[in-house]
Amino acid sequence: MKHLFILLLCLTTSLITSAQYEGEAKFGLIGGVNLVFTEGDDWEDYIDDIEDNVEYYNSGDFDLKTKIGMHLGMSLDYFLKDNLAINSGLIYSQKGFTIKTEMESYDYDYYNPSYTNIETTLDMTFNYIDMPIALKYISDDGFQIYGGFLFSFLMSDNADMDVDGTGYDYDSDYDDFEDLYGRDAEDSTTGMFVGVGFDLNEKMNLSLKVQKTGSFGKTGYGDENNNLTVQLSTGIAF
């Protein structure tokens, strides 16, 4: 996988170098915020099981949070015509999921009453290198619309589980996806994306993209799961 990443980097760099000399490409830096949502049939089964476990207690709460991450990288627009370009690049992007549960139980035994409260937060982060390949239309006024394919290569993954409550206060020993589910996360995934943007001036632009990628890995419930990512970005062109 690392060799593939190096090859892709070399190919992208060569495209940038040769096309810039011809005056037919725009190279830039892009960065911003990821809002990540998780979906899929097996994922729904996983969530249903967590909710059933919470309901087993006297009271409890379950929250599947929107995962917030970031992205940062380089982009390339290679113009086929005056207003039509092929868009690509290499972008570091954080995805994953965040789950929070709180469970309370009461024992009303007169001689030995007890109360238990456990709050657990699981934050799973996948660190990808994304390579988009898209067709982009840019109007004379700077409005952009584009869509295409996305190839994502997993660089690393990190699991952060915190357990706090009555008699509990520790960070778990789960370090990654494999620790949690007994299998490695998928080392690559593919998907599609669409986006719109606007050039504020010759150098700056804003964009909004929606990505949907394939399975991020097999849990105990299967691999019918994926990330739907909304990206809010700003870019600087050179």
C-alpha atoms as a PDB file:
ATOM      1  CA  MET A   1       0.000   0.000   0.000  1.00  0.00           C
ATOM      2  CA  LYS A   2       2.860   2.398   0.791  1.00  0.00           C
ATOM      3  CA  HIS A   3       4.454   1.637  -2.586  1.00  0.00           C
ATOM      4  CA  LEU A   4       1.140   2.395  -4.295  1.00  0.00           C
ATOM      5  CA  PHE A   5       0.907   5.717  -2.467  1.00  0.00           C
ATOM      6  CA  ILE A   6       4.439   6.674  -3.542  1.00  0.00           C
ATOM      7  CA  LEU A   7       3.611   5.748  -7.157  1.00  0.00           C
ATOM      8  CA  LEU A   8       0.457   7.867  -7.091  1.00  0.00           C
ATOM      9  CA  LEU A   9       2.394  10.784  -5.613  1.00  0.00           C
ATOM     10  CA  CYS A  10       5.021  10.557  -8.361  1.00  0.00           C
ATOM     11  CA  LEU A  11       2.382  10.379 -11.086  1.00  0.00           C
ATOM     12  CA  THR A  12       0.512  13.375  -9.709  1.00  0.00           C
ATOM     13  CA  THR A  13       3.717  15.389  -9.340  1.00  0.00           C
ATOM     14  CA  SER A  14       4.746  14.633 -12.931  1.00  0.00           C
ATOM     15  CA  LEU A  15       1.355  15.750 -14.202  1.00  0.00           C
ATOM     16  CA  ILE A  16       1.638  18.984 -12.263  1.00  0.00           C
ATOM     17  CA  THR A  17       5.151  19.709 -13.527  1.00  0.00           C
ATOM     18  CA  SER A  18       4.568  18.999 -17.224  1.00  0.00           C
ATOM     19  CA  ALA A  19       1.151  20.638 -17.397  1.00  0.00           C
ATOM     20  CA  GLN A  20       2.261  23.802 -15.613  1.00  0.00           C
ATOM     21  CA  TYR A  21       4.876  24.402 -18.233  1.00  0.00           C
ATOM     22  CA  GLU A  22       2.132  24.213 -20.872  1.00  0.00           C
ATOM     23  CA  GLY A  23      -0.056  26.658 -18.921  1.00  0.00           C
ATOM     24  CA  GLU A  24      -2.954  24.229 -18.838  1.00  0.00           C
ATOM     25  CA  ALA A  25      -3.143  23.337 -15.159  1.00  0.00           C
ATOM     26  CA  LYS A  26      -3.975  24.934 -11.837  1.00  0.00           C
ATOM     27  CA  PHE A  27      -2.248  23.560  -8.749  1.00  0.00           C
ATOM     28  CA  GLY A  28      -3.437  24.414  -5.250  1.00  0.00           C
ATOM     29  CA  LEU A  29      -3.685  23.570  -1.574  1.00  0.00           C
ATOM     30  CA  ILE A  30      -6.995  22.610  -0.017  1.00  0.00           C
ATOM     31  CA  GLY A  31      -8.115  22.134   3.575  1.00  0.00           C
ATOM     32  CA  GLY A  32     -11.157  22.189   5.794  1.00  0.00           C
ATOM     33  CA  VAL A  33     -13.608  20.278   7.987  1.00  0.00           C
ATOM     34  CA  ASN A  34     -15.115  16.792   7.598  1.00  0.00           C
ATOM     35  CA  LEU A  35     -18.583  15.980   8.928  1.00  0.00           C
ATOM     36  CA  VAL A  36     -18.787  12.180   8.846  1.00  0.00           C
ATOM     37  CA  PHE A  37     -21.934  10.036   9.056  1.00  0.00           C
ATOM     38  CA  THR A  38     -22.044   6.225   9.144  1.00  0.00           C
ATOM     39  CA  GLU A  39     -24.657   4.024   7.478  1.00  0.00           C
ATOM     40  CA  GLY A  40     -25.260   0.497   6.137  1.00  0.00           C
ATOM     41  CA  ASP A  41     -27.417  -2.549   6.951  1.00  0.00           C
ATOM     42  CA  ASP A  42     -24.869  -4.298   9.173  1.00  0.00           C
ATOM     43  CA  TRP A  43     -24.113  -0.997  10.873  1.00  0.00           C
ATOM     44  CA  GLU A  44     -27.820  -0.683  11.718  1.00  0.00           C
ATOM     45  CA  ASP A  45     -27.724  -4.147  13.330  1.00  0.00           C
ATOM     46  CA  TYR A  46     -24.698  -3.082  15.349  1.00  0.00           C
ATOM     47  CA  ILE A  47     -26.452   0.063  16.557  1.00  0.00           C
ATOM     48  CA  ASP A  48     -29.676  -1.845  17.366  1.00  0.00           C
ATOM     49  CA  ASP A  49     -27.683  -4.198  19.592  1.00  0.00           C
ATOM     50  CA  ILE A  50     -26.149  -1.276  21.484  1.00  0.00           C
ATOM     51  CA  GLU A  51     -29.577   0.302  21.959  1.00  0.00           C
ATOM     52  CA  ASP A  52     -30.989  -3.012  23.270  1.00  0.00           C
ATOM     53  CA  ASN A  53     -28.130  -3.216  25.763  1.00  0.00           C
ATOM     54  CA  VAL A  54     -28.840   0.312  26.973  1.00  0.00           C
ATOM     55  CA  GLU A  55     -32.557  -0.462  27.393  1.00  0.00           C
ATOM     56  CA  TYR A  56     -31.670  -3.434  29.604  1.00  0.00           C
ATOM     57  CA  TYR A  57     -30.716  -1.019  32.376  1.00  0.00           C
ATOM     58  CA  ASN A  58     -33.133   1.007  34.498  1.00  0.00           C
ATOM     59  CA  SER A  59     -32.378   4.016  32.366  1.00  0.00           C
ATOM     60  CA  GLY A  60     -29.860   4.912  29.715  1.00  0.00           C
ATOM     61  CA  ASP A  61     -29.042   6.965  26.677  1.00  0.00           C
ATOM     62  CA  PHE A  62     -27.418   6.239  23.329  1.00  0.00           C
ATOM     63  CA  ASP A  63     -25.961   8.788  20.933  1.00  0.00           C
ATOM     64  CA  LEU A  64     -24.361   8.121  17.548  1.00  0.00           C
ATOM     65  CA  LYS A  65     -22.536  11.378  17.065  1.00  0.00           C
ATOM     66  CA  THR A  66     -21.442  13.080  13.881  1.00  0.00           C
ATOM     67  CA  LYS A  67     -17.735  12.393  13.553  1.00  0.00           C
ATOM     68  CA  ILE A  68     -15.793  15.644  13.097  1.00  0.00           C
ATOM     69  CA  GLY A  69     -12.452  15.489  11.335  1.00  0.00           C
ATOM     70  CA  MET A  70     -10.281  17.496   8.984  1.00  0.00           C
ATOM     71  CA  HIS A  71      -8.739  17.250   5.540  1.00  0.00           C
ATOM     72  CA  LEU A  72      -5.641  18.827   4.040  1.00  0.00           C
ATOM     73  CA  GLY A  73      -3.775  18.280   0.798  1.00  0.00           C
ATOM     74  CA  MET A  74      -3.044  19.341  -2.741  1.00  0.00           C
ATOM     75  CA  SER A  75      -5.345  19.600  -5.743  1.00  0.00           C
ATOM     76  CA  LEU A  76      -4.863  19.711  -9.486  1.00  0.00           C
ATOM     77  CA  ASP A  77      -7.152  20.992 -12.245  1.00  0.00           C
ATOM     78  CA  TYR A  78      -5.986  20.008 -15.723  1.00  0.00           C
ATOM     79  CA  PHE A  79      -7.998  21.940 -18.303  1.00  0.00           C
ATOM     80  CA  LEU A  80      -9.288  20.048 -21.309  1.00  0.00           C
ATOM     81  CA  LYS A  81     -11.109  23.151 -22.548  1.00  0.00           C
ATOM     82  CA  ASP A  82     -11.524  26.714 -21.317  1.00  0.00           C
ATOM     83  CA  ASN A  83     -14.259  25.799 -18.824  1.00  0.00           C
ATOM     84  CA  LEU A  84     -13.772  22.050 -18.424  1.00  0.00           C
ATOM     85  CA  ALA A  85     -11.085  20.360 -16.348  1.00  0.00           C
ATOM     86  CA  ILE A  86     -10.055  17.024 -14.894  1.00  0.00           C
ATOM     87  CA  ASN A  87      -9.758  17.385 -11.128  1.00  0.00           C
ATOM     88  CA  SER A  88      -7.442  15.241  -8.988  1.00  0.00           C
ATOM     89  CA  GLY A  89      -5.056  15.501  -6.049  1.00  0.00           C
ATOM     90  CA  LEU A  90      -3.833  13.799  -2.885  1.00  0.00           C
ATOM     91  CA  ILE A  91      -5.655  14.752   0.318  1.00  0.00           C
ATOM     92  CA  TYR A  92      -5.221  13.561   3.900  1.00  0.00           C
ATOM     93  CA  SER A  93      -8.722  13.018   5.305  1.00  0.00           C
ATOM     94  CA  GLN A  94     -10.040  11.900   8.719  1.00  0.00           C
ATOM     95  CA  LYS A  95     -13.169   9.730   8.821  1.00  0.00           C
ATOM     96  CA  GLY A  96     -14.704   7.162  11.183  1.00  0.00           C
ATOM     97  CA  PHE A  97     -17.430   7.220  13.832  1.00  0.00           C
ATOM     98  CA  THR A  98     -18.164   8.296  17.424  1.00  0.00           C
ATOM     99  CA  ILE A  99     -20.517   6.421  19.781  1.00  0.00           C
ATOM    100  CA  LYS A 100     -21.532   7.521  23.267  1.00  0.00           C
ATOM    101  CA  THR A 101     -23.621   5.462  25.709  1.00  0.00           C
ATOM    102  CA  GLU A 102     -24.756   6.077  29.276  1.00  0.00           C
ATOM    103  CA  MET A 103     -26.334   3.338  31.415  1.00  0.00           C
ATOM    104  CA  GLU A 104     -27.800   3.531  34.915  1.00  0.00           C
ATOM    105  CA  SER A 105     -29.009   0.705  37.159  1.00  0.00           C
ATOM    106  CA  TYR A 106     -30.554   0.711  40.625  1.00  0.00           C
ATOM    107  CA  ASP A 107     -30.772  -2.066  43.186  1.00  0.00           C
ATOM    108  CA  TYR A 108     -33.454  -1.305  45.803  1.00  0.00           C
ATOM    109  CA  ASP A 109     -32.477  -4.085  48.175  1.00  0.00           C
ATOM    110  CA  TYR A 110     -33.170  -2.556  51.592  1.00  0.00           C
ATOM    111  CA  TYR A 111     -30.104  -4.123  53.184  1.00  0.00           C
ATOM    112  CA  ASN A 112     -27.706  -3.513  50.305  1.00  0.00           C
ATOM    113  CA  PRO A 113     -28.921  -0.704  48.025  1.00  0.00           C
ATOM    114  CA  SER A 114     -26.668   0.154  45.105  1.00  0.00           C
ATOM    115  CA  TYR A 115     -26.464   2.507  42.158  1.00  0.00           C
ATOM    116  CA  THR A 116     -24.362   2.112  39.024  1.00  0.00           C
ATOM    117  CA  ASN A 117     -23.718   4.656  36.301  1.00  0.00           C
ATOM    118  CA  ILE A 118     -21.422   3.911  33.353  1.00  0.00           C
ATOM    119  CA  GLU A 119     -20.657   6.341  30.535  1.00  0.00           C
ATOM    120  CA  THR A 120     -18.673   5.050  27.543  1.00  0.00           C
ATOM    121  CA  THR A 121     -17.340   7.043  24.591  1.00  0.00           C
ATOM    122  CA  LEU A 122     -15.831   5.263  21.586  1.00  0.00           C
ATOM    123  CA  ASP A 123     -14.095   7.462  19.017  1.00  0.00           C
ATOM    124  CA  MET A 124     -12.830   5.599  15.934  1.00  0.00           C
ATOM    125  CA  THR A 125     -10.621   7.549  13.498  1.00  0.00           C
ATOM    126  CA  PHE A 126      -9.542   6.385  10.059  1.00  0.00           C
ATOM    127  CA  ASN A 127      -6.696   8.385   8.509  1.00  0.00           C
ATOM    128  CA  TYR A 128      -6.930   8.168   4.716  1.00  0.00           C
ATOM    129  CA  ILE A 129      -5.128   9.561   1.731  1.00  0.00           C
ATOM    130  CA  ASP A 130      -7.890  10.400  -0.760  1.00  0.00           C
ATOM    131  CA  MET A 131      -7.288  10.598  -4.496  1.00  0.00           C
ATOM    132  CA  PRO A 132     -10.278  12.069  -6.380  1.00  0.00           C
ATOM    133  CA  ILE A 133     -10.700  11.803 -10.139  1.00  0.00           C
ATOM    134  CA  ALA A 134     -13.483  14.051 -11.342  1.00  0.00           C
ATOM    135  CA  LEU A 135     -14.763  16.156 -14.191  1.00  0.00           C
ATOM    136  CA  LYS A 136     -15.149  19.821 -13.223  1.00  0.00           C
ATOM    137  CA  TYR A 137     -17.001  22.630 -14.958  1.00  0.00           C
ATOM    138  CA  ILE A 138     -15.963  26.191 -14.080  1.00  0.00           C
ATOM    139  CA  SER A 139     -18.066  29.076 -15.372  1.00  0.00           C
ATOM    140  CA  ASP A 140     -16.626  32.436 -16.429  1.00  0.00           C
ATOM    141  CA  ASP A 141     -17.973  33.863 -13.139  1.00  0.00           C
ATOM    142  CA  GLY A 142     -16.065  31.307 -11.047  1.00  0.00           C
ATOM    143  CA  PHE A 143     -18.922  28.918 -10.193  1.00  0.00           C
ATOM    144  CA  GLN A 144     -17.785  25.267 -10.066  1.00  0.00           C
ATOM    145  CA  ILE A 145     -19.666  21.995 -10.244  1.00  0.00           C
ATOM    146  CA  TYR A 146     -17.976  18.599 -10.351  1.00  0.00           C
ATOM    147  CA  GLY A 147     -18.322  14.914  -9.660  1.00  0.00           C
ATOM    148  CA  GLY A 148     -16.447  11.663 -10.057  1.00  0.00           C
ATOM    149  CA  PHE A 149     -14.721   8.789  -8.318  1.00  0.00           C
ATOM    150  CA  LEU A 150     -12.794   8.654  -5.054  1.00  0.00           C
ATOM    151  CA  PHE A 151      -9.993   6.255  -4.150  1.00  0.00           C
ATOM    152  CA  SER A 152      -9.098   6.178  -0.434  1.00  0.00           C
ATOM    153  CA  PHE A 153      -5.974   4.509   1.010  1.00  0.00           C
ATOM    154  CA  LEU A 154      -5.832   3.857   4.756  1.00  0.00           C
ATOM    155  CA  MET A 155      -2.647   5.172   6.368  1.00  0.00           C
ATOM    156  CA  SER A 156      -3.559   4.380   9.986  1.00  0.00           C
ATOM    157  CA  ASP A 157      -6.518   3.948  12.332  1.00  0.00           C
ATOM    158  CA  ASN A 158      -6.954   4.815  15.978  1.00  0.00           C
ATOM    159  CA  ALA A 159      -9.543   3.775  18.571  1.00  0.00           C
ATOM    160  CA  ASP A 160     -10.052   5.877  21.694  1.00  0.00           C
ATOM    161  CA  MET A 161     -12.449   4.383  24.254  1.00  0.00           C
ATOM    162  CA  ASP A 162     -13.077   6.149  27.545  1.00  0.00           C
ATOM    163  CA  VAL A 163     -15.141   4.531  30.327  1.00  0.00           C
ATOM    164  CA  ASP A 164     -16.277   6.650  33.266  1.00  0.00           C
ATOM    165  CA  GLY A 165     -18.770   6.056  36.052  1.00  0.00           C
ATOM    166  CA  THR A 166     -19.403   4.379  39.392  1.00  0.00           C
ATOM    167  CA  GLY A 167     -16.323   2.320  40.102  1.00  0.00           C
ATOM    168  CA  TYR A 168     -14.949   3.040  36.620  1.00  0.00           C
ATOM    169  CA  ASP A 169     -12.528   5.627  35.347  1.00  0.00           C
ATOM    170  CA  TYR A 170     -10.100   4.402  32.730  1.00  0.00           C
ATOM    171  CA  ASP A 171      -9.057   4.476  29.111  1.00  0.00           C
ATOM    172  CA  SER A 172      -9.377   1.071  27.474  1.00  0.00           C
ATOM    173  CA  ASP A 173      -6.566  -0.950  25.928  1.00  0.00           C
ATOM    174  CA  TYR A 174      -8.227  -0.791  22.506  1.00  0.00           C
ATOM    175  CA  ASP A 175      -5.793   1.030  20.236  1.00  0.00           C
ATOM    176  CA  ASP A 176      -7.220   0.383  16.769  1.00  0.00           C
ATOM    177  CA  PHE A 177      -9.934  -1.282  14.691  1.00  0.00           C
ATOM    178  CA  GLU A 178      -8.335  -4.724  15.017  1.00  0.00           C
ATOM    179  CA  ASP A 179      -8.353  -4.522  18.821  1.00  0.00           C
ATOM    180  CA  LEU A 180     -12.062  -3.722  18.762  1.00  0.00           C
ATOM    181  CA  TYR A 181     -13.308  -6.210  16.180  1.00  0.00           C
ATOM    182  CA  GLY A 182     -10.536  -8.783  15.718  1.00  0.00           C
ATOM    183  CA  ARG A 183      -9.903  -7.797  12.085  1.00  0.00           C
ATOM    184  CA  ASP A 184      -7.953  -5.075  10.330  1.00  0.00           C
ATOM    185  CA  ALA A 185      -9.835  -2.214   8.770  1.00  0.00           C
ATOM    186  CA  GLU A 186      -9.980  -2.221   4.968  1.00  0.00           C
ATOM    187  CA  ASP A 187      -6.681  -0.852   3.644  1.00  0.00           C
ATOM    188  CA  SER A 188      -8.422   0.847   0.715  1.00  0.00           C
ATOM    189  CA  THR A 189     -11.927   1.764  -0.363  1.00  0.00           C
ATOM    190  CA  THR A 190     -13.590   3.388  -3.340  1.00  0.00           C
ATOM    191  CA  GLY A 191     -16.557   5.662  -3.736  1.00  0.00           C
ATOM    192  CA  MET A 192     -18.097   8.610  -5.516  1.00  0.00           C
ATOM    193  CA  PHE A 193     -18.489  12.300  -4.782  1.00  0.00           C
ATOM    194  CA  VAL A 194     -20.140  15.463  -6.044  1.00  0.00           C
ATOM    195  CA  GLY A 195     -19.376  19.063  -5.203  1.00  0.00           C
ATOM    196  CA  VAL A 196     -19.933  22.733  -5.864  1.00  0.00           C
ATOM    197  CA  GLY A 197     -17.613  25.660  -5.350  1.00  0.00           C
ATOM    198  CA  PHE A 198     -16.964  29.290  -6.061  1.00  0.00           C
ATOM    199  CA  ASP A 199     -13.822  31.288  -6.820  1.00  0.00           C
ATOM    200  CA  LEU A 200     -13.661  34.294  -4.509  1.00  0.00           C
ATOM    201  CA  ASN A 201     -10.805  35.701  -6.603  1.00  0.00           C
ATOM    202  CA  GLU A 202      -7.968  34.350  -8.752  1.00  0.00           C
ATOM    203  CA  LYS A 203      -6.342  32.681  -5.726  1.00  0.00           C
ATOM    204  CA  MET A 204      -9.053  31.776  -3.194  1.00  0.00           C
ATOM    205  CA  ASN A 205     -12.066  29.497  -3.464  1.00  0.00           C
ATOM    206  CA  LEU A 206     -14.686  27.816  -1.277  1.00  0.00           C
ATOM    207  CA  SER A 207     -16.271  24.422  -1.902  1.00  0.00           C
ATOM    208  CA  LEU A 208     -18.788  21.931  -0.523  1.00  0.00           C
ATOM    209  CA  LYS A 209     -18.449  18.230  -1.343  1.00  0.00           C
ATOM    210  CA  VAL A 210     -20.363  15.068  -0.435  1.00  0.00           C
ATOM    211  CA  GLN A 211     -18.489  11.733  -0.532  1.00  0.00           C
ATOM    212  CA  LYS A 212     -19.809   8.205  -0.156  1.00  0.00           C
ATOM    213  CA  THR A 213     -17.210   5.452   0.190  1.00  0.00           C
ATOM    214  CA  GLY A 214     -17.356   1.674   0.539  1.00  0.00           C
ATOM    215  CA  SER A 215     -17.003  -0.501   3.624  1.00  0.00           C
ATOM    216  CA  PHE A 216     -14.393   0.608   6.161  1.00  0.00           C
ATOM    217  CA  GLY A 217     -14.059  -2.872   7.694  1.00  0.00           C
ATOM    218  CA  LYS A 218     -15.799  -5.967   9.010  1.00  0.00           C
ATOM    219  CA  THR A 219     -17.222  -5.861  12.522  1.00  0.00           C
ATOM    220  CA  GLY A 220     -18.895  -8.762  14.299  1.00  0.00           C
ATOM    221  CA  TYR A 221     -22.050  -7.837  12.385  1.00  0.00           C
ATOM    222  CA  GLY A 222     -20.592  -7.834   8.853  1.00  0.00           C
ATOM    223  CA  ASP A 223     -19.066  -5.320   6.469  1.00  0.00           C
ATOM    224  CA  GLU A 224     -22.186  -3.545   5.190  1.00  0.00           C
ATOM    225  CA  ASN A 225     -21.037  -0.185   6.532  1.00  0.00           C
ATOM    226  CA  ASN A 226     -19.684   2.995   4.987  1.00  0.00           C
ATOM    227  CA  ASN A 227     -18.927   6.644   5.653  1.00  0.00           C
ATOM    228  CA  LEU A 228     -20.907   9.498   4.149  1.00  0.00           C
ATOM    229  CA  THR A 229     -18.688  12.573   4.420  1.00  0.00           C
ATOM    230  CA  VAL A 230     -19.570  16.230   3.951  1.00  0.00           C
ATOM    231  CA  GLN A 231     -16.493  18.392   3.339  1.00  0.00           C
ATOM    232  CA  LEU A 232     -16.369  22.147   3.791  1.00  0.00           C
ATOM    233  CA  SER A 233     -13.169  23.395   2.173  1.00  0.00           C
ATOM    234  CA  THR A 234     -11.170  26.446   1.311  1.00  0.00           C
ATOM    235  CA  GLY A 235      -8.452  26.418  -1.307  1.00  0.00           C
ATOM    236  CA  ILE A 236      -5.505  28.510  -2.474  1.00  0.00           C
ATOM    237  CA  ALA A 237      -4.421  28.270  -6.115  1.00  0.00           C
ATOM    238  CA  PHE A 238      -0.904  28.839  -7.452  1.00  0.00           C
END
